Amino acid sequence: MENNHHSDARGALIILEGLDRSGKTSQSGRLVSYLNGLGHPVESWRFPDRDTAVGKMISASLLEAKLKSGTSLIIDRYSHSGVVFSSAKSLDIEWCK
């Protein structure tokens, strides 16, 4: 299968949001497998996961660097989930944003 990826192409940022146990992890895994099968550089990330090296490096723009290098990221949850979970604990939603 031909790979049409160009080294100067920016990767896609694809975020799957949803309720717990709604299939985000399953669907993101399927998408990663499909895109890898087409020869695209792609990684699967999960948020929030601040216990991992990746989680600790987010502040250092790792996410942006990956995208600029042409790697697409399939992310299981992102900042929207943090806002919702925090506001559900009675924190002001505007502050959470």
Protein backbone atom coordinates (compact mmCIF):
# COMPACT_ATOMS: atom_id res chain seq x y z
CA MET A 1 0.00 0.00 0.00
CA GLU A 2 1.40 3.38 -0.98
CA ASN A 3 2.16 5.89 1.77
CA ASN A 4 1.35 9.44 0.68
CA HIS A 5 2.67 10.93 3.93
CA HIS A 6 4.95 13.93 3.47
CA SER A 7 7.52 14.78 6.11
CA ASP A 8 6.35 18.41 6.15
CA ALA A 9 2.69 17.45 6.62
CA ARG A 10 1.11 18.22 9.98
CA GLY A 11 -0.53 15.37 11.86
CA ALA A 12 -4.22 15.40 12.72
CA LEU A 13 -5.49 15.83 16.28
CA ILE A 14 -8.53 13.60 16.71
CA ILE A 15 -10.26 13.63 20.08
CA LEU A 16 -12.94 11.15 21.14
CA GLU A 17 -15.09 12.41 24.01
CA GLY A 18 -17.90 10.55 25.70
CA LEU A 19 -19.24 8.99 28.85
CA ASP A 20 -17.35 6.28 30.69
CA ARG A 21 -17.75 2.89 29.02
CA SER A 22 -19.17 4.42 25.83
CA GLY A 23 -16.51 2.83 23.60
CA LYS A 24 -13.94 5.64 23.26
CA THR A 25 -10.98 3.35 23.92
CA SER A 26 -12.29 0.65 21.56
CA GLN A 27 -12.99 3.10 18.76
CA SER A 28 -9.69 4.95 19.16
CA GLY A 29 -7.86 1.60 19.01
CA ARG A 30 -9.67 0.68 15.81
CA LEU A 31 -8.87 4.04 14.25
CA VAL A 32 -5.18 3.75 15.16
CA SER A 33 -5.01 0.26 13.64
CA TYR A 34 -6.74 1.44 10.46
CA LEU A 35 -4.49 4.47 9.99
CA ASN A 36 -1.36 2.44 10.78
CA GLY A 37 -2.51 -0.05 8.14
CA LEU A 38 -2.58 2.79 5.62
CA GLY A 39 1.00 3.68 6.55
CA HIS A 40 0.26 6.86 8.50
CA PRO A 41 2.31 7.69 11.60
CA VAL A 42 -0.22 7.72 14.43
CA GLU A 43 -0.24 7.27 18.20
CA SER A 44 -2.95 6.66 20.75
CA TRP A 45 -3.00 8.79 23.92
CA ARG A 46 -5.34 8.89 26.92
CA PHE A 47 -6.12 11.90 29.09
CA PRO A 48 -5.86 12.64 31.86
CA ASP A 49 -2.88 10.44 32.57
CA ARG A 50 -0.41 12.63 34.43
CA ASP A 51 1.37 9.61 35.97
CA THR A 52 3.07 8.71 32.71
CA ALA A 53 6.10 10.34 31.12
CA VAL A 54 3.82 11.63 28.37
CA GLY A 55 1.48 13.23 30.90
CA LYS A 56 4.38 14.99 32.57
CA MET A 57 5.73 16.24 29.26
CA ILE A 58 2.49 17.78 27.98
CA SER A 59 3.51 21.09 29.47
CA ALA A 60 6.65 20.92 27.37
CA SER A 61 4.63 21.00 24.12
CA LEU A 62 5.13 17.35 23.24
CA LEU A 63 1.64 17.22 21.74
CA GLU A 64 2.35 20.17 19.42
CA ALA A 65 5.75 18.78 18.45
CA LYS A 66 4.23 15.41 17.50
CA LEU A 67 1.61 17.08 15.31
CA LYS A 68 4.16 19.34 13.60
CA SER A 69 6.34 16.30 12.87
CA GLY A 70 3.47 14.73 10.94
CA THR A 71 2.30 12.23 13.56
CA SER A 72 -1.45 12.14 14.04
CA LEU A 73 -2.74 11.71 17.58
CA ILE A 74 -5.92 9.85 18.47
CA ILE A 75 -6.80 11.03 21.97
CA ASP A 76 -9.20 9.31 24.35
CA ARG A 77 -10.52 12.35 26.23
CA TYR A 78 -9.01 15.80 26.47
CA SER A 79 -9.61 19.09 28.24
CA HIS A 80 -13.39 18.98 27.80
CA SER A 81 -13.60 15.96 30.07
CA GLY A 82 -11.57 17.71 32.74
CA VAL A 83 -13.98 20.64 32.71
CA VAL A 84 -17.02 18.39 32.97
CA PHE A 85 -15.59 16.17 35.72
CA SER A 86 -14.42 19.15 37.76
CA SER A 87 -17.68 21.08 37.41
CA ALA A 88 -19.60 17.94 38.41
CA LYS A 89 -17.76 18.17 41.73
CA SER A 90 -19.45 21.54 42.34
CA LEU A 91 -16.62 23.71 41.04
CA ASP A 92 -17.59 26.77 39.00
CA ILE A 93 -17.73 25.76 35.33
CA GLU A 94 -16.19 29.03 34.15
CA TRP A 95 -13.25 28.52 36.51
CA CYS A 96 -12.89 24.94 35.24
CA LYS A 97 -12.71 26.15 31.64
